[in-house]
Protein backbone atom coordinates (compact mmCIF):
# COMPACT_ATOMS: atom_id res chain seq x y z
CA MET A 1 -65.60 93.79 -16.94
CA GLU A 2 -63.98 97.22 -17.06
CA GLU A 3 -60.39 97.25 -18.29
CA LYS A 4 -58.07 99.36 -16.15
CA THR A 5 -55.21 101.15 -17.85
CA LYS A 6 -52.01 101.53 -15.91
CA THR A 7 -50.78 105.11 -15.57
CA ILE A 8 -47.08 105.39 -16.26
CA MET A 9 -45.38 108.15 -14.31
CA GLN A 10 -41.73 107.31 -14.90
CA GLY A 11 -40.46 109.24 -17.92
CA ARG A 12 -43.39 111.65 -18.06
CA LEU A 13 -42.30 114.96 -19.59
CA SER A 14 -43.14 118.46 -18.41
CA GLY A 15 -45.32 120.80 -20.43
CA THR A 16 -42.29 122.71 -21.67
CA GLN A 17 -40.69 119.51 -22.89
CA ARG A 18 -43.91 118.35 -24.61
CA ASN A 19 -44.15 121.73 -26.34
CA ARG A 20 -40.84 120.93 -28.03
CA PHE A 21 -42.33 117.88 -29.81
CA PRO A 22 -43.08 119.83 -33.01
CA ARG A 23 -39.31 120.32 -33.38
CA LEU A 24 -38.88 116.59 -33.91
CA LEU A 25 -38.58 115.79 -37.59
CA ASP A 26 -39.23 112.59 -39.51
CA MET A 27 -35.56 111.62 -39.27
CA MET A 28 -33.35 109.40 -37.16
CA TYR A 29 -31.94 110.77 -33.89
CA THR A 30 -29.38 109.32 -31.51
CA PRO A 31 -30.48 109.26 -27.85
CA ALA A 32 -28.20 112.24 -27.13
CA GLU A 33 -29.68 114.29 -30.00
CA LEU A 34 -33.25 113.41 -29.00
CA ALA A 35 -32.57 114.29 -25.36
CA LYS A 36 -30.98 117.61 -26.31
CA GLU A 37 -33.85 118.52 -28.63
CA ILE A 38 -36.56 117.84 -26.02
CA GLY A 39 -34.64 118.69 -22.85
CA PHE A 40 -34.04 115.55 -20.79
CA ASN A 41 -31.09 113.32 -19.93
CA ARG A 42 -29.80 110.88 -22.56
CA ARG A 43 -29.92 108.02 -20.06
CA GLN A 44 -33.70 108.43 -19.78
CA VAL A 45 -34.00 107.01 -23.30
CA TYR A 46 -32.29 103.77 -22.27
CA ARG A 47 -33.69 103.49 -18.74
CA VAL A 48 -37.31 104.33 -19.49
CA TYR A 49 -38.41 104.70 -23.10
CA VAL A 50 -36.66 101.72 -24.71
CA LYS A 51 -37.84 99.46 -21.86
CA LEU A 52 -41.42 100.66 -22.39
CA GLY A 53 -41.31 99.85 -26.10
CA CYS A 54 -40.25 103.07 -27.77
CA PRO A 55 -39.83 102.43 -31.52
CA HIS A 56 -36.10 102.24 -32.22
CA GLU A 57 -33.56 100.50 -34.37
CA TYR A 58 -29.83 100.04 -34.50
CA SER A 59 -27.56 101.59 -37.14
CA ASN A 60 -25.98 99.52 -39.90
CA ASN A 61 -23.09 98.38 -37.74
CA GLY A 62 -25.49 97.44 -34.94
CA ARG A 63 -23.79 99.59 -32.34
CA LYS A 64 -25.73 102.87 -32.32
CA LEU A 65 -29.35 103.17 -31.18
CA MET A 66 -31.43 105.36 -33.50
CA ILE A 67 -34.95 106.73 -32.92
CA ASN A 68 -37.22 108.32 -35.51
CA GLY A 69 -38.42 111.69 -34.18
CA LYS A 70 -41.94 111.49 -35.60
CA ALA A 71 -42.42 107.88 -34.44
CA PHE A 72 -41.17 108.79 -30.94
CA ARG A 73 -43.59 111.72 -30.70
CA GLU A 74 -46.55 109.54 -31.74
CA TRP A 75 -45.49 106.70 -29.41
CA TYR A 76 -45.07 109.08 -26.46
CA GLN A 77 -48.48 110.68 -26.98
CA GLU A 78 -50.11 107.25 -27.16
CA THR A 79 -48.21 105.80 -24.18
CA TYR A 80 -48.50 108.84 -21.89
CA LYS A 81 -52.10 109.91 -22.32
CA LYS A 82 -53.50 112.74 -20.22
CA VAL A 83 -54.48 111.69 -16.73
């Protein structure tokens, strides 16, 4: 039986935003830093990407969400394949 993959539209980035992916380094970003670097709203990280399984961790005190730039880029490209 053919397996259908679900196309995710919520959180999909524009071409200009995707072209900014090479700027993301192999370092930890806060949601605000990541959003500023790529060009979307900080709340999109919490409302869309974390809920969809974006790789993230919390800082030492457990209060600040941190996302590795390289891991986010790879996760996004795998999750939001071309349609």
